[in-house]
Amino acid sequence: MLTVIVLIGMLLLMMLGVPIGTSLGLPVSGLIAYTGVTSQEFMAQMLYTKIGDFTMLSLPFFLLAGDLMDGGGLSKRLVNVANSLIGNVTGALGAVTVLACMFFGAVSGSAPATVAAIGTIMIPQMVREGYSPAYATALTCVSGGLGIIVPPSFPMVLYGVTNDVSIGKLFTAGWGPAIVVTGTLLAFNYVICKRNGFVSTEPKETSFKLFLKAFWDAKWALLMPVIILGGIYSGIFSPTEAGVVSCVYGLIVGLFLYKELKWKDIIPMFKKKVDFLGGMMYVFAPAGALGAIMAYMGYTTAIKNFFLSISNNPYVLVALMYLILFFLGMIVQTNPIIVIVSPILLNVATAVGISPIHFGMMVILSLAVAFVTPPVAYNLFVGASMTGLSINKITRSAIPFLIGLLICEIVVGFIPEISMFLIK
């Protein structure tokens, strides 16, 4: 009963607009004061312990690297590479958008950043070529979810830090789901464009020479994920060190190679991330304390037993967990879902033999869906701010692609080999 009261209290505080960190911390402090199960000093210690992890340092570096890469002129070069791969086929520009989001996701690690970077270039171009503005925006918003599915991914790092799961293995596992999602979006785009007659008005032919030119111009952008992921996979550096390397590489490429990043732009980037990281740490610290208190009081075991009382069939529990993540994604921001909810559900998943790596891919795909499911849908808000279209109009056009993402969720969730075939 006390658990229910605490959870209701948290939800009510969030609905009233109280900061998430405060919404988590106050009910837990009240629970400790009422039950005397432990001391407030223990909670304070947990607040520090959760954010004092060395791997936690990788988070600000990976976030900053995405901004450095975007400001350094990488996005338009990655679009050119994607464009050189697509000829005058049905839905060509839509396919370019999907591929460009995949490429940019490998350097940004952020879904909203991917939508902003690729949408600025591709949405106006698609509209000029006869695509409806709503369709162009919806496709870009949904494809932006590849920003967190294609490694390296900020939510993967956050999940790994939260649940003590190997970030390198999460990055390795991400390639399978990324290929499934990319292929599905390309197929849906082709079918919809075929039905609606979205065909390029300017015939374009691809050639190996054109591809080589675009590839050579984008070589420094394409080399970034190779260096970062190769360094992690080979053991040359840790995920935290990889975050630092990505920032240094982004500075060098943007300032001295592409020369599109200006010194005056760097300090504002740092300031912008300080605000975001301060808020995130304010969520992360009390969420870690909440997890410790729940485990100390046996609530995590009780939750696990509740799920197992429904069924011990992994497929049934996968479906149930997807349902929970889907509805939470509609009303809660993505970072709190990873920090607060994923440890609880991971305890259930491992009890029925689901690998923490595979479960991480399930969470990441659920978050990709959450980015385009109102009312809390960051990608849709980014798309609306760029085009002036209403959220409702974009959402209607995004429904077919949302269905495609849900199909990918089911496929990846029920076929673990898609995520695990590269894991040794």
Protein backbone atom coordinates (compact mmCIF):
# COMPACT_ATOMS: atom_id res chain seq x y z
CA MET A 1 0.00 0.00 0.00
CA LEU A 2 2.82 2.39 0.89
CA THR A 3 4.43 1.72 -2.51
CA VAL A 4 1.22 2.69 -4.30
CA ILE A 5 0.94 5.91 -2.26
CA VAL A 6 4.57 6.81 -3.04
CA LEU A 7 4.11 6.18 -6.77
CA ILE A 8 0.86 8.15 -6.87
CA GLY A 9 2.59 10.98 -5.04
CA MET A 10 5.37 11.01 -7.63
CA LEU A 11 2.90 11.11 -10.52
CA LEU A 12 0.83 13.88 -8.94
CA LEU A 13 3.91 16.03 -8.35
CA MET A 14 5.05 15.53 -11.96
CA MET A 15 1.57 16.43 -13.25
CA LEU A 16 1.71 19.63 -11.19
CA GLY A 17 4.92 20.59 -12.94
CA VAL A 18 7.29 19.92 -10.06
CA PRO A 19 10.81 19.06 -11.31
CA ILE A 20 11.22 15.33 -11.80
CA GLY A 21 14.12 15.07 -9.34
CA THR A 22 12.01 16.71 -6.61
CA SER A 23 8.99 14.59 -7.55
CA LEU A 24 11.08 11.48 -6.94
CA GLY A 25 13.01 12.64 -3.89
CA LEU A 26 10.21 14.05 -1.71
CA PRO A 27 7.99 10.91 -1.60
CA VAL A 28 11.02 8.69 -0.96
CA SER A 29 12.17 10.95 1.88
CA GLY A 30 8.64 10.83 3.29
CA LEU A 31 8.64 7.03 3.02
CA ILE A 32 11.93 6.81 4.93
CA ALA A 33 10.68 9.23 7.61
CA TYR A 34 7.40 7.33 8.05
CA THR A 35 8.73 3.77 8.06
CA GLY A 36 12.16 4.34 9.56
CA VAL A 37 13.43 1.59 7.29
CA THR A 38 16.73 3.46 6.92
CA SER A 39 18.21 6.89 7.53
CA GLN A 40 18.13 10.04 5.46
CA GLU A 41 21.93 9.86 5.50
CA PHE A 42 21.69 6.56 3.58
CA MET A 43 19.57 8.28 0.94
CA ALA A 44 22.07 11.13 0.70
CA GLN A 45 24.84 8.59 0.21
CA MET A 46 22.87 6.89 -2.57
CA LEU A 47 22.33 10.27 -4.25
CA TYR A 48 26.08 10.71 -4.53
CA THR A 49 26.96 7.10 -5.30
CA LYS A 50 24.72 6.86 -8.36
CA ILE A 51 26.22 9.90 -10.10
CA GLY A 52 29.79 9.24 -8.93
CA ASP A 53 30.30 6.34 -11.34
CA PHE A 54 33.27 6.84 -13.70
CA THR A 55 31.23 5.65 -16.68
CA MET A 56 28.79 8.47 -15.97
CA LEU A 57 31.41 10.89 -17.30
CA SER A 58 30.81 9.54 -20.80
CA LEU A 59 27.31 11.06 -20.93
CA PRO A 60 28.24 14.76 -21.25
CA PHE A 61 30.99 13.97 -23.76
CA PHE A 62 28.74 11.96 -26.07
CA LEU A 63 26.08 14.69 -25.90
CA LEU A 64 28.57 17.44 -26.69
CA ALA A 65 30.09 15.41 -29.54
CA GLY A 66 26.72 15.33 -31.29
CA ASP A 67 26.48 19.15 -31.24
CA LEU A 68 30.06 19.51 -32.44
CA MET A 69 29.44 17.15 -35.34
CA ASP A 70 26.22 18.93 -36.31
CA GLY A 71 27.78 22.40 -36.13
CA GLY A 72 30.84 21.20 -38.03
CA GLY A 73 28.98 20.55 -41.29
CA LEU A 74 28.67 16.77 -41.09
CA SER A 75 24.92 16.53 -41.67
CA LYS A 76 24.83 17.91 -45.21
CA ARG A 77 27.77 15.71 -46.26
CA LEU A 78 26.05 12.63 -44.89
CA VAL A 79 22.90 13.62 -46.84
CA ASN A 80 25.02 13.83 -49.99
CA VAL A 81 26.34 10.31 -49.42
CA ALA A 82 22.79 8.99 -48.94
CA ASN A 83 21.64 10.90 -52.02
CA SER A 84 24.40 9.38 -54.16
CA LEU A 85 23.13 5.89 -53.31
CA ILE A 86 19.55 6.48 -54.53
CA GLY A 87 18.59 6.84 -58.18
CA ASN A 88 15.38 8.08 -59.80
CA VAL A 89 13.15 5.56 -58.04
CA THR A 90 9.78 5.89 -56.38
CA GLY A 91 10.14 7.76 -53.10
CA ALA A 92 13.83 8.50 -53.73
CA LEU A 93 14.03 11.58 -51.51
CA GLY A 94 12.14 9.77 -48.75
CA ALA A 95 14.65 6.94 -48.93
CA VAL A 96 17.49 9.49 -48.82
CA THR A 97 15.94 10.96 -45.67
CA VAL A 98 15.84 7.56 -43.96
CA LEU A 99 19.44 6.74 -44.92
CA ALA A 100 20.65 10.21 -43.95
CA CYS A 101 19.04 9.81 -40.51
CA MET A 102 20.79 6.47 -40.13
CA PHE A 103 24.16 7.95 -41.09
CA PHE A 104 23.72 11.00 -38.89
CA GLY A 105 22.49 8.86 -36.02
CA ALA A 106 25.90 7.19 -36.03
CA VAL A 107 27.53 10.52 -35.20
CA SER A 108 24.89 12.30 -33.09
CA GLY A 109 23.39 9.59 -30.84
CA SER A 110 20.29 11.74 -30.37
CA ALA A 111 16.86 11.43 -31.98
CA PRO A 112 15.78 15.11 -31.75
CA ALA A 113 19.20 16.25 -32.99
CA THR A 114 18.88 13.92 -35.97
CA VAL A 115 15.45 15.30 -36.83
CA ALA A 116 16.71 18.88 -36.58
CA ALA A 117 19.88 18.30 -38.61
CA ILE A 118 18.39 16.19 -41.40
CA GLY A 119 14.98 17.86 -41.41
CA THR A 120 16.47 21.30 -42.04
CA ILE A 121 17.97 19.97 -45.27
CA MET A 122 15.53 17.31 -46.45
CA ILE A 123 12.03 18.60 -45.60
CA PRO A 124 12.18 21.71 -47.85
CA GLN A 125 13.75 19.64 -50.62
CA MET A 126 11.06 16.96 -50.38
CA VAL A 127 8.29 19.59 -50.47
CA ARG A 128 9.81 21.17 -53.59
CA GLU A 129 9.80 17.75 -55.24
CA GLY A 130 6.06 17.26 -54.69
CA TYR A 131 5.90 15.49 -51.31
CA SER A 132 3.22 16.80 -48.97
CA PRO A 133 4.70 18.86 -46.10
CA ALA A 134 3.01 16.63 -43.51
CA TYR A 135 4.42 13.46 -45.07
CA ALA A 136 7.93 14.90 -45.39
CA THR A 137 7.90 16.04 -41.76
CA ALA A 138 6.39 12.80 -40.43
CA LEU A 139 8.94 10.64 -42.25
CA THR A 140 11.80 12.76 -40.92
CA CYS A 141 10.44 12.67 -37.35
CA VAL A 142 10.03 8.89 -37.34
CA SER A 143 13.35 8.27 -39.10
CA GLY A 144 14.99 10.50 -36.49
CA GLY A 145 14.44 7.63 -34.05
CA LEU A 146 17.38 5.95 -35.76
CA GLY A 147 19.49 8.50 -33.90
CA ILE A 148 19.16 6.43 -30.73
CA ILE A 149 19.11 3.00 -32.39
CA VAL A 150 22.29 3.29 -34.47
CA PRO A 151 25.41 3.10 -32.27
CA PRO A 152 26.90 5.06 -30.62
CA SER A 153 23.70 6.13 -28.87
CA PHE A 154 23.24 8.35 -25.82
CA PRO A 155 20.25 6.34 -24.47
CA MET A 156 22.34 3.15 -24.81
CA VAL A 157 25.05 4.76 -22.69
CA LEU A 158 22.45 5.89 -20.15
CA TYR A 159 20.91 2.41 -20.02
CA GLY A 160 24.33 0.82 -19.59
CA VAL A 161 25.31 3.20 -16.79
CA THR A 162 21.96 2.79 -15.03
CA ASN A 163 21.93 -1.01 -15.12
CA ASP A 164 25.67 -1.83 -15.06
CA VAL A 165 25.52 -3.34 -18.56
CA SER A 166 28.48 -3.31 -20.96
CA ILE A 167 28.14 -0.25 -23.20
CA GLY A 168 30.40 -1.84 -25.81
CA LYS A 169 28.10 -4.85 -26.06
CA LEU A 170 25.05 -2.58 -26.27
CA PHE A 171 26.66 -0.75 -29.19
CA THR A 172 27.40 -4.07 -30.88
CA ALA A 173 23.84 -5.30 -30.35
CA GLY A 174 22.36 -2.08 -31.78
CA TRP A 175 23.34 -2.83 -35.37
CA GLY A 176 20.80 -5.61 -35.85
CA PRO A 177 17.76 -3.57 -34.75
CA ALA A 178 19.08 -0.54 -36.68
CA ILE A 179 19.14 -2.55 -39.92
CA VAL A 180 15.64 -3.93 -39.26
CA VAL A 181 14.20 -0.46 -38.59
CA THR A 182 15.96 1.14 -41.57
CA GLY A 183 14.75 -1.59 -43.94
CA THR A 184 11.20 -1.33 -42.63
CA LEU A 185 11.05 2.45 -43.01
CA LEU A 186 12.48 2.22 -46.54
CA ALA A 187 9.86 -0.38 -47.49
CA PHE A 188 6.96 1.64 -46.00
CA ASN A 189 8.22 4.79 -47.71
CA TYR A 190 8.32 3.02 -51.09
CA VAL A 191 4.78 1.65 -50.75
CA ILE A 192 3.28 4.96 -49.58
CA CYS A 193 5.08 7.00 -52.24
CA LYS A 194 4.01 4.50 -54.91
CA ARG A 195 0.40 4.86 -53.81
CA ASN A 196 0.47 8.67 -53.54
CA GLY A 197 2.66 9.32 -56.58
CA PHE A 198 5.53 10.99 -54.70
CA VAL A 199 8.11 10.74 -57.50
CA SER A 200 11.03 13.07 -58.11
CA THR A 201 10.29 15.70 -60.75
CA GLU A 202 13.97 15.99 -61.62
CA PRO A 203 15.40 12.72 -62.95
CA LYS A 204 18.55 11.79 -61.11
CA GLU A 205 20.97 9.04 -61.92
CA THR A 206 23.44 7.48 -59.57
CA SER A 207 26.92 6.56 -60.58
CA PHE A 208 29.93 5.09 -58.90
CA LYS A 209 31.83 8.30 -59.63
CA LEU A 210 29.13 10.39 -57.94
CA PHE A 211 29.17 8.10 -54.93
CA LEU A 212 32.95 8.26 -54.64
CA LYS A 213 32.87 12.05 -54.77
CA ALA A 214 30.25 12.27 -52.01
CA PHE A 215 32.00 9.58 -49.98
CA TRP A 216 35.36 11.36 -50.22
CA ASP A 217 33.83 14.68 -49.17
CA ALA A 218 32.19 12.99 -46.15
CA LYS A 219 35.15 10.76 -45.25
CA TRP A 220 35.89 12.58 -41.99
CA ALA A 221 32.25 12.38 -40.93
CA LEU A 222 32.00 8.68 -41.78
CA LEU A 223 35.30 7.95 -40.02
CA MET A 224 34.03 9.19 -36.65
CA PRO A 225 31.84 6.17 -35.74
CA VAL A 226 34.55 3.87 -37.07
CA ILE A 227 37.10 5.38 -34.67
CA ILE A 228 34.76 5.49 -31.68
CA LEU A 229 33.15 2.09 -32.08
CA GLY A 230 36.37 0.46 -33.26
CA GLY A 231 38.18 1.78 -30.21
CA ILE A 232 35.51 0.44 -27.85
CA TYR A 233 35.14 -2.94 -29.57
CA SER A 234 38.91 -3.48 -29.69
CA GLY A 235 39.40 -2.44 -26.08
CA ILE A 236 41.71 0.46 -26.96
CA PHE A 237 39.63 2.81 -24.84
CA SER A 238 36.66 2.67 -22.49
CA PRO A 239 33.25 4.20 -23.25
CA THR A 240 34.17 7.24 -21.14
CA GLU A 241 37.41 7.69 -23.04
CA ALA A 242 35.50 7.18 -26.29
CA GLY A 243 33.27 10.12 -25.38
CA VAL A 244 36.32 12.33 -24.89
CA VAL A 245 37.86 11.13 -28.16
CA SER A 246 34.62 11.88 -30.02
CA CYS A 247 34.61 15.47 -28.72
CA VAL A 248 38.25 16.05 -29.66
CA TYR A 249 37.65 14.49 -33.08
CA GLY A 250 34.55 16.65 -33.60
CA LEU A 251 36.51 19.80 -32.75
CA ILE A 252 39.34 18.92 -35.12
CA VAL A 253 37.00 18.05 -38.01
CA GLY A 254 34.71 21.05 -37.55
CA LEU A 255 37.41 23.65 -36.95
CA PHE A 256 40.29 22.58 -39.15
CA LEU A 257 39.07 20.12 -41.78
CA TYR A 258 35.55 21.21 -42.77
CA LYS A 259 36.11 24.69 -41.24
CA GLU A 260 32.39 25.20 -40.63
CA LEU A 261 32.61 25.22 -36.82
CA LYS A 262 33.55 28.61 -35.37
CA TRP A 263 35.36 29.21 -32.09
CA LYS A 264 32.56 31.55 -30.99
CA ASP A 265 30.04 28.68 -31.32
CA ILE A 266 31.81 26.35 -28.90
CA ILE A 267 31.13 28.12 -25.58
CA PRO A 268 27.34 28.36 -26.25
CA MET A 269 27.37 24.61 -26.96
CA PHE A 270 28.95 23.97 -23.58
CA LYS A 271 26.48 26.25 -21.81
CA LYS A 272 23.52 24.57 -23.49
CA LYS A 273 24.68 21.13 -22.36
CA VAL A 274 25.37 22.30 -18.79
CA ASP A 275 21.69 23.14 -18.33
CA PHE A 276 20.58 19.81 -19.81
CA LEU A 277 23.08 17.73 -17.83
CA GLY A 278 22.28 19.54 -14.60
CA GLY A 279 18.62 18.63 -15.02
CA MET A 280 19.47 15.06 -16.00
CA MET A 281 21.72 14.53 -12.98
CA TYR A 282 18.96 15.93 -10.80
CA VAL A 283 16.78 13.11 -12.11
CA PHE A 284 19.50 10.47 -12.06
CA ALA A 285 20.56 10.93 -8.43
CA PRO A 286 17.14 10.55 -6.73
CA ALA A 287 16.20 7.79 -9.19
CA GLY A 288 19.27 5.85 -8.08
CA ALA A 289 18.34 6.41 -4.45
CA LEU A 290 14.78 5.30 -5.20
CA GLY A 291 16.07 2.07 -6.73
CA ALA A 292 18.28 1.39 -3.73
CA ILE A 293 15.45 2.02 -1.24
CA MET A 294 13.02 -0.16 -3.21
CA ALA A 295 15.55 -3.00 -3.29
CA TYR A 296 16.31 -2.51 0.43
CA MET A 297 12.60 -2.78 1.27
CA GLY A 298 12.06 -5.75 -1.03
CA TYR A 299 9.77 -3.91 -3.45
CA THR A 300 11.74 -4.91 -6.54
CA THR A 301 11.32 -8.56 -5.60
CA ALA A 302 7.62 -8.01 -4.99
CA ILE A 303 7.23 -6.39 -8.43
CA LYS A 304 9.12 -9.25 -10.04
CA ASN A 305 6.91 -11.79 -8.29
CA PHE A 306 3.80 -9.89 -9.41
CA PHE A 307 4.85 -10.17 -13.06
CA LEU A 308 5.78 -13.82 -12.66
CA SER A 309 2.41 -14.50 -11.06
CA ILE A 310 0.81 -13.37 -14.32
CA SER A 311 3.02 -15.64 -16.42
CA ASN A 312 6.55 -17.03 -16.54
CA ASN A 313 6.43 -17.27 -20.32
CA PRO A 314 9.09 -14.90 -21.73
CA TYR A 315 6.95 -14.02 -24.76
CA VAL A 316 3.98 -13.03 -22.61
CA LEU A 317 6.19 -10.91 -20.37
CA VAL A 318 7.88 -9.28 -23.38
CA ALA A 319 4.46 -8.26 -24.70
CA LEU A 320 3.43 -6.97 -21.27
CA MET A 321 6.64 -4.97 -20.81
CA TYR A 322 6.29 -3.49 -24.30
CA LEU A 323 2.75 -2.41 -23.40
CA ILE A 324 3.99 -0.71 -20.21
CA LEU A 325 6.86 1.02 -22.02
CA PHE A 326 4.52 2.17 -24.80
CA PHE A 327 2.08 3.90 -22.45
CA LEU A 328 4.84 5.33 -20.25
CA GLY A 329 6.55 6.69 -23.37
CA MET A 330 3.40 8.66 -24.21
CA ILE A 331 3.40 10.57 -20.91
CA VAL A 332 6.94 10.45 -19.48
CA GLN A 333 10.21 11.76 -20.87
CA THR A 334 12.62 9.15 -22.22
CA ASN A 335 15.51 9.64 -19.76
CA PRO A 336 13.36 9.04 -16.64
CA ILE A 337 12.01 5.86 -18.25
CA ILE A 338 15.56 4.54 -18.62
CA VAL A 339 16.68 5.64 -15.17
CA ILE A 340 13.58 4.75 -13.15
CA VAL A 341 11.64 2.06 -15.02
CA SER A 342 14.28 0.01 -16.84
CA PRO A 343 15.98 -1.33 -13.65
CA ILE A 344 12.61 -2.56 -12.36
CA LEU A 345 11.62 -4.27 -15.61
CA LEU A 346 15.15 -5.62 -16.14
CA ASN A 347 14.78 -7.50 -12.87
CA VAL A 348 11.70 -9.18 -14.35
CA ALA A 349 13.34 -9.82 -17.72
CA THR A 350 16.41 -11.54 -16.30
CA ALA A 351 14.18 -13.72 -14.11
CA VAL A 352 12.80 -15.38 -17.27
CA GLY A 353 16.14 -15.65 -19.04
CA ILE A 354 16.11 -12.46 -21.14
CA SER A 355 19.61 -11.05 -21.57
CA PRO A 356 20.19 -7.51 -20.22
CA ILE A 357 21.67 -6.66 -23.64
CA HIS A 358 18.57 -7.85 -25.49
CA PHE A 359 16.30 -6.11 -23.01
CA GLY A 360 18.28 -2.92 -23.58
CA MET A 361 17.45 -3.11 -27.29
CA MET A 362 13.79 -3.55 -26.39
CA VAL A 363 13.92 -0.40 -24.26
CA ILE A 364 15.73 1.58 -26.98
CA LEU A 365 13.15 0.61 -29.62
CA SER A 366 10.35 1.52 -27.23
CA LEU A 367 11.92 4.94 -26.77
CA ALA A 368 12.18 5.37 -30.55
CA VAL A 369 8.41 4.87 -30.65
CA ALA A 370 7.96 7.24 -27.68
CA PHE A 371 9.63 10.06 -29.62
CA VAL A 372 6.64 10.10 -32.03
CA THR A 373 3.71 9.23 -29.74
CA PRO A 374 1.92 12.31 -28.29
CA PRO A 375 1.51 14.01 -25.94
CA VAL A 376 5.23 13.76 -25.01
CA ALA A 377 6.81 13.39 -28.45
CA TYR A 378 10.06 15.31 -28.80
CA ASN A 379 10.60 14.50 -32.48
CA LEU A 380 7.14 15.75 -33.41
CA PHE A 381 7.71 19.00 -31.52
CA VAL A 382 11.00 19.51 -33.35
CA GLY A 383 9.30 18.83 -36.68
CA ALA A 384 6.41 21.16 -35.86
CA SER A 385 8.77 23.96 -34.84
CA MET A 386 10.64 23.66 -38.16
CA THR A 387 7.58 23.55 -40.45
CA GLY A 388 4.79 25.30 -38.55
CA LEU A 389 2.51 22.28 -39.00
CA SER A 390 0.28 21.14 -36.15
CA ILE A 391 1.22 18.09 -34.10
CA ASN A 392 -2.07 16.43 -35.07
CA LYS A 393 -1.38 16.80 -38.79
CA ILE A 394 2.13 15.38 -38.49
CA THR A 395 0.89 12.54 -36.30
CA ARG A 396 -1.74 11.46 -38.84
CA SER A 397 0.91 11.19 -41.54
CA ALA A 398 3.27 9.40 -39.15
CA ILE A 399 0.79 6.61 -38.25
CA PRO A 400 1.91 4.17 -41.01
CA PHE A 401 5.54 4.56 -39.98
CA LEU A 402 4.59 4.24 -36.32
CA ILE A 403 2.96 0.92 -37.20
CA GLY A 404 6.23 -0.05 -38.91
CA LEU A 405 8.18 0.78 -35.74
CA LEU A 406 5.79 -1.30 -33.65
CA ILE A 407 6.31 -4.24 -36.03
CA CYS A 408 10.07 -3.81 -35.60
CA GLU A 409 9.60 -3.82 -31.82
CA ILE A 410 7.76 -7.12 -31.97
CA VAL A 411 10.29 -8.69 -34.34
CA VAL A 412 13.31 -7.62 -32.30
CA GLY A 413 11.65 -8.46 -28.97
CA PHE A 414 10.62 -11.97 -29.99
CA ILE A 415 13.74 -12.81 -32.01
CA PRO A 416 16.69 -12.15 -29.67
CA GLU A 417 19.17 -13.32 -32.31
CA ILE A 418 18.70 -10.03 -34.17
CA SER A 419 20.34 -8.22 -31.27
CA MET A 420 22.63 -10.95 -30.00
CA PHE A 421 24.15 -12.51 -33.12
CA LEU A 422 27.26 -10.33 -32.92
CA ILE A 423 27.68 -10.69 -29.14
CA LYS A 424 30.33 -13.21 -28.16
